Protein backbone atom coordinates (compact mmCIF):
# COMPACT_ATOMS: atom_id res chain seq x y z
CA MET A 1 6.65 -30.77 -7.74
CA LYS A 2 5.32 -30.62 -4.22
CA ARG A 3 3.63 -27.93 -2.20
CA THR A 4 4.36 -27.67 1.49
CA ASN A 5 0.79 -27.03 2.58
CA ASP A 6 -1.43 -29.03 0.19
CA GLY A 7 0.83 -31.13 -2.02
CA GLY A 8 0.60 -28.89 -5.12
CA PRO A 9 3.24 -26.59 -6.60
CA ARG A 10 3.76 -23.06 -5.29
CA ARG A 11 2.26 -20.75 -7.91
CA ILE A 12 4.52 -17.74 -8.53
CA VAL A 13 3.82 -14.96 -11.03
CA VAL A 14 6.88 -13.29 -12.60
CA ILE A 15 6.22 -9.71 -13.72
CA SER A 16 8.85 -8.64 -16.24
CA THR A 17 9.73 -4.93 -16.51
CA GLY A 18 13.08 -4.93 -18.34
CA GLY A 19 16.47 -3.90 -16.99
CA THR A 20 19.88 -5.52 -17.39
CA ILE A 21 18.44 -8.96 -16.72
CA ALA A 22 16.52 -8.51 -20.00
CA SER A 23 19.15 -6.51 -21.92
CA ARG A 24 20.86 -7.61 -25.12
CA TRP A 25 23.57 -6.06 -27.25
CA GLN A 26 22.22 -3.38 -29.61
CA GLY A 27 25.40 -2.62 -31.57
CA THR A 28 26.62 0.26 -29.44
CA GLY A 29 25.48 -0.85 -26.00
CA TYR A 30 22.92 -2.92 -24.12
CA ALA A 31 19.20 -2.21 -23.83
CA ALA A 32 16.23 -4.11 -22.44
CA ASP A 33 14.41 -6.12 -25.11
CA ALA A 34 14.16 -9.75 -23.95
CA SER A 35 10.71 -11.00 -22.96
CA GLY A 36 9.86 -12.38 -19.56
CA ASP A 37 9.64 -15.87 -21.05
CA ASP A 38 13.13 -15.44 -22.55
CA VAL A 39 14.51 -14.36 -19.17
CA LEU A 40 12.75 -17.18 -17.34
CA ALA A 41 14.15 -19.73 -19.81
CA THR A 42 17.68 -18.93 -18.62
CA ALA A 43 16.99 -20.00 -15.02
CA PRO A 44 16.14 -23.40 -13.55
CA LEU A 45 12.99 -23.53 -11.44
CA PRO A 46 13.22 -24.40 -7.77
CA GLU A 47 11.61 -27.70 -6.85
CA GLY A 48 7.89 -27.37 -6.17
CA VAL A 49 7.47 -24.04 -7.98
CA GLY A 50 5.27 -23.33 -10.98
CA VAL A 51 5.66 -20.00 -12.80
CA GLU A 52 3.45 -17.75 -14.92
CA VAL A 53 4.90 -14.71 -16.72
CA VAL A 54 3.41 -11.25 -17.21
CA ASP A 55 5.27 -8.95 -19.63
CA LEU A 56 4.28 -5.55 -18.26
CA PHE A 57 6.81 -3.33 -20.00
CA ASN A 58 10.45 -3.51 -21.08
CA VAL A 59 12.64 -0.51 -20.21
CA ASN A 60 16.09 0.27 -18.91
CA SER A 61 15.33 1.26 -15.33
CA SER A 62 17.07 4.62 -15.67
CA ARG A 63 14.00 5.48 -17.80
CA MET A 64 11.56 4.41 -15.09
CA THR A 65 8.75 6.88 -14.40
CA SER A 66 6.11 7.20 -11.72
CA ALA A 67 3.59 6.03 -14.32
CA HIS A 68 5.59 2.82 -14.83
CA GLN A 69 5.82 2.27 -11.08
CA LEU A 70 2.12 2.89 -10.48
CA ALA A 71 1.20 0.56 -13.35
CA LEU A 72 3.33 -2.10 -11.68
CA LEU A 73 1.70 -1.39 -8.33
CA ARG A 74 -1.74 -1.85 -9.92
CA THR A 75 -0.62 -5.10 -11.58
CA VAL A 76 0.67 -6.48 -8.27
CA HIS A 77 -2.67 -5.76 -6.61
CA GLU A 78 -4.60 -7.27 -9.53
CA THR A 79 -2.41 -10.38 -9.44
CA PHE A 80 -3.00 -10.91 -5.74
CA ALA A 81 -6.75 -10.68 -6.32
CA ASP A 82 -6.32 -14.33 -7.36
CA PRO A 83 -6.14 -16.29 -4.08
CA GLY A 84 -4.35 -19.12 -5.87
CA VAL A 85 -1.22 -17.02 -6.39
CA ASP A 86 1.40 -17.73 -3.71
CA GLY A 87 3.85 -14.95 -4.49
CA ILE A 88 5.18 -12.50 -7.05
CA VAL A 89 8.67 -11.96 -8.47
CA VAL A 90 9.39 -8.70 -10.31
CA THR A 91 12.39 -8.59 -12.64
CA HIS A 92 13.63 -5.01 -12.72
CA GLY A 93 16.63 -2.91 -13.66
CA THR A 94 18.97 -2.10 -10.81
CA ASP A 95 19.24 1.67 -11.35
CA THR A 96 15.86 2.49 -9.80
CA LEU A 97 14.94 -0.85 -8.23
CA GLU A 98 15.20 0.63 -4.72
CA GLU A 99 12.54 3.23 -5.54
CA THR A 100 10.09 0.80 -7.08
CA ALA A 101 10.53 -1.72 -4.25
CA PHE A 102 9.81 0.93 -1.62
CA LEU A 103 6.71 2.23 -3.43
CA LEU A 104 5.33 -1.30 -3.64
CA ASP A 105 6.15 -1.92 0.02
CA LEU A 106 4.38 1.23 1.21
CA HIS A 107 1.16 -0.09 -0.39
CA HIS A 108 1.61 -3.79 0.36
CA SER A 109 -0.90 -5.26 2.81
CA ASP A 110 -0.91 -8.88 1.64
CA ALA A 111 0.79 -11.67 3.58
CA ARG A 112 2.15 -13.05 0.31
CA PRO A 113 5.56 -11.77 -0.75
CA VAL A 114 6.66 -9.55 -3.61
CA VAL A 115 10.32 -10.13 -4.47
CA LEU A 116 12.32 -7.84 -6.75
CA THR A 117 15.47 -9.01 -8.48
CA GLY A 118 17.58 -8.24 -11.51
CA ALA A 119 21.12 -8.53 -12.79
CA GLN A 120 24.38 -6.65 -13.03
CA ARG A 121 25.48 -8.50 -16.18
CA PRO A 122 23.34 -8.58 -19.33
CA PHE A 123 21.03 -11.29 -20.61
CA GLY A 124 22.72 -14.24 -22.29
CA THR A 125 26.29 -13.54 -21.16
CA GLY A 126 28.28 -16.57 -20.10
CA ASP A 127 28.95 -15.22 -16.62
CA GLY A 128 25.51 -13.63 -16.20
CA ASP A 129 24.12 -13.33 -12.68
CA GLY A 130 20.49 -13.01 -13.78
CA PRO A 131 19.63 -16.73 -13.80
CA GLY A 132 20.95 -17.28 -10.27
CA ASN A 133 19.23 -14.19 -8.93
CA LEU A 134 15.94 -15.22 -10.53
CA TYR A 135 16.20 -18.74 -9.11
CA ASP A 136 16.84 -17.31 -5.63
CA ALA A 137 13.96 -14.84 -5.96
CA LEU A 138 11.58 -17.65 -6.92
CA GLN A 139 12.80 -19.68 -3.95
CA VAL A 140 12.15 -16.78 -1.56
CA ALA A 141 8.75 -15.97 -3.09
CA ALA A 142 7.70 -19.59 -2.56
CA SER A 143 8.98 -19.73 1.02
CA VAL A 144 8.11 -16.68 3.13
CA ARG A 145 5.08 -14.72 4.28
CA GLU A 146 4.42 -11.50 6.21
CA LEU A 147 7.73 -9.92 5.22
CA GLY A 148 6.40 -7.32 2.80
CA VAL A 149 8.32 -6.46 -0.34
CA LEU A 150 11.84 -7.87 -0.59
CA VAL A 151 14.95 -7.42 -2.71
CA VAL A 152 16.87 -10.62 -3.48
CA PHE A 153 20.31 -10.25 -5.01
CA ASP A 154 23.54 -12.26 -4.93
CA GLY A 155 22.23 -14.71 -2.35
CA ARG A 156 21.07 -12.01 0.05
CA VAL A 157 17.54 -11.09 1.11
CA HIS A 158 16.89 -7.42 1.88
CA ALA A 159 13.86 -5.51 3.14
CA ALA A 160 12.61 -2.93 0.64
CA ARG A 161 12.85 -0.11 3.18
CA GLY A 162 16.36 1.27 3.41
CA THR A 163 17.88 -0.97 0.74
CA VAL A 164 19.78 0.93 -1.95
CA LYS A 165 22.16 0.16 -4.76
CA THR A 166 25.64 0.44 -3.26
CA GLN A 167 27.77 -1.02 -6.09
CA THR A 168 27.67 0.19 -9.68
CA LEU A 169 28.97 -3.02 -11.25
CA ALA A 170 29.68 -5.68 -8.58
CA ALA A 171 27.35 -8.66 -8.26
CA ASP A 172 26.57 -7.83 -4.61
CA ALA A 173 24.79 -4.67 -5.72
CA PHE A 174 22.36 -3.94 -2.87
CA SER A 175 22.48 -3.36 0.86
CA ASP A 176 21.01 -1.21 3.60
CA PRO A 177 23.97 0.90 4.79
CA SER A 178 22.21 1.53 8.11
CA ALA A 179 20.97 -2.00 8.89
CA GLU A 180 21.78 -5.66 8.47
CA ARG A 181 20.41 -7.78 5.66
CA LEU A 182 17.09 -9.51 6.25
CA GLY A 183 18.36 -12.98 5.40
CA ARG A 184 20.10 -15.16 2.86
CA VAL A 185 19.19 -17.79 0.33
CA GLY A 186 21.13 -20.74 -1.05
CA PHE A 187 21.31 -24.52 -1.17
CA SER A 188 17.47 -24.72 -1.26
CA ARG A 189 17.23 -22.79 2.02
CA VAL A 190 15.86 -19.37 2.87
CA ASP A 191 17.23 -18.14 6.20
CA VAL A 192 15.36 -15.20 7.75
CA GLU A 193 17.66 -13.47 10.24
CA ARG A 194 15.52 -10.52 11.31
CA LEU A 195 12.08 -9.04 10.74
CA PRO A 196 11.51 -5.87 8.71
CA GLU A 197 10.03 -2.71 10.14
CA ARG A 198 7.27 -1.24 8.01
CA PRO A 199 4.65 1.49 8.46
CA ALA A 200 1.00 0.51 8.22
CA PRO A 201 0.33 0.01 4.49
CA LEU A 202 -1.40 2.62 2.37
CA PRO A 203 -4.39 1.80 0.16
CA LEU A 204 -3.92 1.69 -3.59
CA PRO A 205 -3.91 5.35 -4.78
CA ASP A 206 -6.39 6.47 -7.39
CA ALA A 207 -3.50 7.41 -9.68
CA ALA A 208 -2.49 3.75 -9.93
CA LEU A 209 -5.84 2.92 -11.54
CA THR A 210 -5.20 5.20 -14.51
CA ALA A 211 -1.39 5.12 -14.76
CA ASN A 212 -0.42 4.45 -18.37
CA PRO A 213 3.33 4.57 -19.12
CA GLY A 214 4.21 6.27 -22.37
CA ALA A 215 0.72 7.65 -23.00
CA THR A 216 -1.05 10.91 -22.24
CA ALA A 217 -4.71 10.12 -21.96
CA PRO A 218 -7.11 13.05 -22.40
CA GLY A 219 -8.69 14.12 -19.14
CA VAL A 220 -6.16 12.28 -16.97
CA ALA A 221 -4.32 14.63 -14.62
CA PRO A 222 -0.51 14.49 -14.79
CA LEU A 223 1.19 12.80 -11.89
CA PRO A 224 2.50 15.16 -9.22
CA ARG A 225 6.04 16.45 -9.54
CA VAL A 226 8.39 15.54 -6.69
CA ASP A 227 12.01 16.67 -7.02
CA ILE A 228 15.34 16.05 -5.28
CA VAL A 229 17.77 18.94 -4.73
CA THR A 230 21.30 18.27 -3.46
CA HIS A 231 23.25 20.63 -1.21
CA HIS A 232 27.01 21.05 -1.59
CA ALA A 233 29.75 23.60 -0.98
CA ASP A 234 28.61 26.88 -2.62
CA GLY A 235 25.08 25.46 -2.78
CA ASP A 236 22.28 28.01 -2.78
CA ALA A 237 18.49 27.98 -2.98
CA LEU A 238 18.31 28.39 -6.78
CA PHE A 239 17.27 24.85 -7.70
CA LEU A 240 14.95 24.46 -4.74
CA LYS A 241 13.11 27.62 -5.76
CA ALA A 242 13.12 26.48 -9.40
CA ALA A 243 11.48 23.20 -8.43
CA VAL A 244 8.72 25.05 -6.59
CA ALA A 245 8.27 27.39 -9.55
CA ALA A 246 8.00 24.34 -11.84
CA GLY A 247 5.05 23.10 -9.81
CA ALA A 248 6.63 20.57 -7.48
CA ARG A 249 4.14 19.22 -4.95
CA GLY A 250 6.95 17.72 -2.92
CA LEU A 251 10.70 18.14 -2.46
CA VAL A 252 13.56 16.18 -0.97
CA LEU A 253 16.58 18.18 0.12
CA GLU A 254 19.63 15.94 0.04
CA ALA A 255 21.55 17.76 2.72
CA THR A 256 25.07 17.38 4.08
CA GLY A 257 26.02 15.61 7.31
CA ALA A 258 23.13 14.77 9.63
CA GLY A 259 20.80 17.06 7.68
CA ASN A 260 22.42 20.46 7.25
CA ALA A 261 22.30 23.24 4.66
CA THR A 262 22.37 27.07 4.83
CA PRO A 263 20.14 29.82 6.25
CA GLU A 264 19.16 30.76 2.68
CA ILE A 265 18.04 27.23 1.93
CA ALA A 266 16.15 27.05 5.24
CA ALA A 267 14.31 30.25 4.25
CA ALA A 268 13.45 28.76 0.85
CA VAL A 269 12.16 25.62 2.58
CA ALA A 270 9.91 27.77 4.76
CA ASP A 271 8.56 29.53 1.65
CA ALA A 272 7.92 26.19 -0.06
CA VAL A 273 6.08 24.77 2.96
CA ALA A 274 3.97 27.94 3.14
CA GLN A 275 2.89 27.23 -0.46
CA GLY A 276 1.76 23.72 0.48
CA VAL A 277 4.84 21.86 -0.74
CA LEU A 278 5.86 18.79 1.27
CA VAL A 279 9.57 18.98 2.11
CA ALA A 280 11.69 16.13 3.45
CA VAL A 281 15.37 16.31 4.37
CA SER A 282 17.70 13.40 3.62
CA THR A 283 21.49 13.32 3.47
CA ARG A 284 24.16 12.52 0.94
CA VAL A 285 26.06 10.55 3.65
CA PRO A 286 25.62 6.81 2.94
CA ALA A 287 24.68 5.59 6.44
CA GLY A 288 23.24 6.77 9.74
CA PRO A 289 20.21 8.76 10.90
CA LEU A 290 19.52 12.45 10.53
CA ALA A 291 19.50 14.58 13.69
CA GLU A 292 18.64 18.07 14.85
CA ILE A 293 22.06 19.22 16.04
CA TYR A 294 23.07 22.37 14.18
CA THR A 295 21.45 25.74 13.59
CA GLY A 296 22.78 28.23 11.00
CA GLY A 297 20.84 26.44 8.29
CA GLY A 298 21.26 23.01 9.84
CA ALA A 299 18.59 20.44 10.65
CA VAL A 300 17.35 22.52 13.60
CA ASP A 301 16.42 25.35 11.23
CA LEU A 302 15.13 23.09 8.46
CA VAL A 303 12.72 21.37 10.85
CA ALA A 304 11.65 24.77 12.21
CA ALA A 305 10.93 25.76 8.60
CA GLY A 306 8.50 22.85 8.28
CA ALA A 307 10.65 20.11 6.74
CA LEU A 308 10.61 16.52 7.98
CA LEU A 309 13.76 14.48 8.56
CA THR A 310 13.87 11.11 6.81
CA GLY A 311 15.57 8.98 9.47
CA THR A 312 17.77 6.48 7.64
CA LEU A 313 15.94 6.74 4.30
CA ARG A 314 18.12 8.19 1.58
CA ALA A 315 16.98 10.64 -1.05
CA ALA A 316 15.55 8.31 -3.70
CA GLN A 317 13.36 6.39 -1.25
CA ALA A 318 12.50 9.58 0.64
CA ARG A 319 11.18 10.96 -2.64
CA ILE A 320 8.96 7.88 -2.98
CA ALA A 321 7.58 8.48 0.53
CA VAL A 322 6.77 12.10 -0.38
CA LEU A 323 5.14 10.99 -3.64
CA ALA A 324 3.07 8.38 -1.79
CA ALA A 325 1.89 10.98 0.72
CA VAL A 326 0.89 13.37 -2.07
CA LEU A 327 -0.91 10.63 -4.00
CA ALA A 328 -2.75 9.44 -0.88
CA GLU A 329 -4.31 12.87 -0.50
CA GLY A 330 -5.33 13.20 -4.14
CA ASP A 331 -6.34 16.53 -5.61
CA VAL A 332 -9.59 17.06 -3.69
CA SER A 333 -9.06 19.71 -1.00
CA PRO A 334 -5.81 18.29 0.38
CA ASP A 335 -5.29 18.94 4.07
CA PRO A 336 -1.66 20.07 4.60
CA ALA A 337 -1.62 19.02 8.26
CA ARG A 338 -2.98 15.56 7.50
CA ARG A 339 -0.63 15.13 4.57
CA THR A 340 2.35 16.14 6.71
CA ALA A 341 1.28 13.74 9.46
CA LEU A 342 1.04 10.95 6.89
CA LEU A 343 4.51 11.67 5.55
CA ARG A 344 5.89 11.72 9.09
CA ARG A 345 4.41 8.25 9.66
CA LEU A 346 5.91 6.94 6.42
CA LEU A 347 9.32 8.34 7.32
CA GLU A 348 9.51 7.77 11.06
CA GLY A 349 6.75 5.44 12.22
CA PRO A 350 7.48 1.84 11.20
CA VAL A 351 5.92 -1.04 13.07
CA ARG A 352 7.42 -4.50 13.30
CA ALA A 353 5.90 -7.10 11.00
CA GLU A 354 4.74 -10.04 13.15
CA PRO A 355 5.01 -12.91 12.60
CA ALA A 356 7.34 -13.93 9.80
CA LEU A 357 6.04 -17.11 8.22
CA ALA A 358 7.69 -19.73 6.10
CA THR A 359 5.51 -22.05 4.09
CA GLY A 360 5.66 -24.62 6.85
CA GLY A 361 4.66 -22.41 9.78
CA SER A 362 5.79 -19.53 11.95
CA ARG A 363 9.43 -18.48 12.33
CA SER A 364 11.05 -16.04 14.73
CA ALA A 365 13.51 -13.41 13.58
CA SER A 366 16.44 -15.65 14.44
CA ALA A 367 14.96 -18.86 13.13
CA VAL A 368 15.29 -20.34 9.69
CA ALA A 369 12.57 -20.16 7.05
CA THR A 370 13.44 -23.21 5.02
CA ARG A 371 11.93 -24.92 2.05
CA ALA A 372 13.90 -28.00 1.04
């Protein structure tokens, strides 16, 4: 194996978290139970790459919790404390991969990449896509810098921000409905076609230091509740009010159109904001930005009530932005104005990542980041 910069192999750490890529038949259906080493054994290694495996947890990603995600965030930061690590690959279930990737990206300040991948077909199947996706993810993790957190799937490279699962079963599972892919990978090449836009990264939240999936440690405060409520024909404010009553610290209203609901829902949003709840408005429409166009409970009234529009972020990632803003403030005398300003920056204030680097040097957005 060779290393582009110093002649040694690229050192990549694979953090295994479960998902379809680690799922085997259980008699009535599939569930995650294969170890990271088992998953890695199914894939060839790219030339010049050495791999170490961390088995963090093993769950179907529909069971992912904030505690799981924060434990992963902590593990990523601990792994990068070793300057000899060149990159990280996270194997993850596809159901909530978009949420985890965005949380990691919001807190990612390292030039070295974190690449999430998974599979649409289970571990060990003859036509499984996991081995190819893992090979591609390792190739990308060994090749790029200054691109933040990435999603690599079916030969495509996506930025974490905006990328969502758009196919339930097809191999090409992920895309950003409002933007082009970041690049592509194949034939021992990683082609970077554009640069991602990312807000300035957040520091590691205190909650990540104590996050313990599946355990309730005495004296450890529960993680804040952040809910999503969807508007629809005949929709009213019942579930939004119920979320506030249940102690939600943040809410995402998945509105219709470019961010529209009803006067009753706008009034409930105003009441929630008055109680210190962070409210963001996304849309159930797959692509396009939100906009203040309509009154009568539309985005004009929702913004006037104190909600923030989420741009092109859809509900699941908007919820992660709200959670990150709440966690950044902690529980010590939170300042509502400062917290709202932070959420606005996470939703609306990305800055271009410059420059994008391949292992051999700098690359522009239109150039090719290649590692033969």
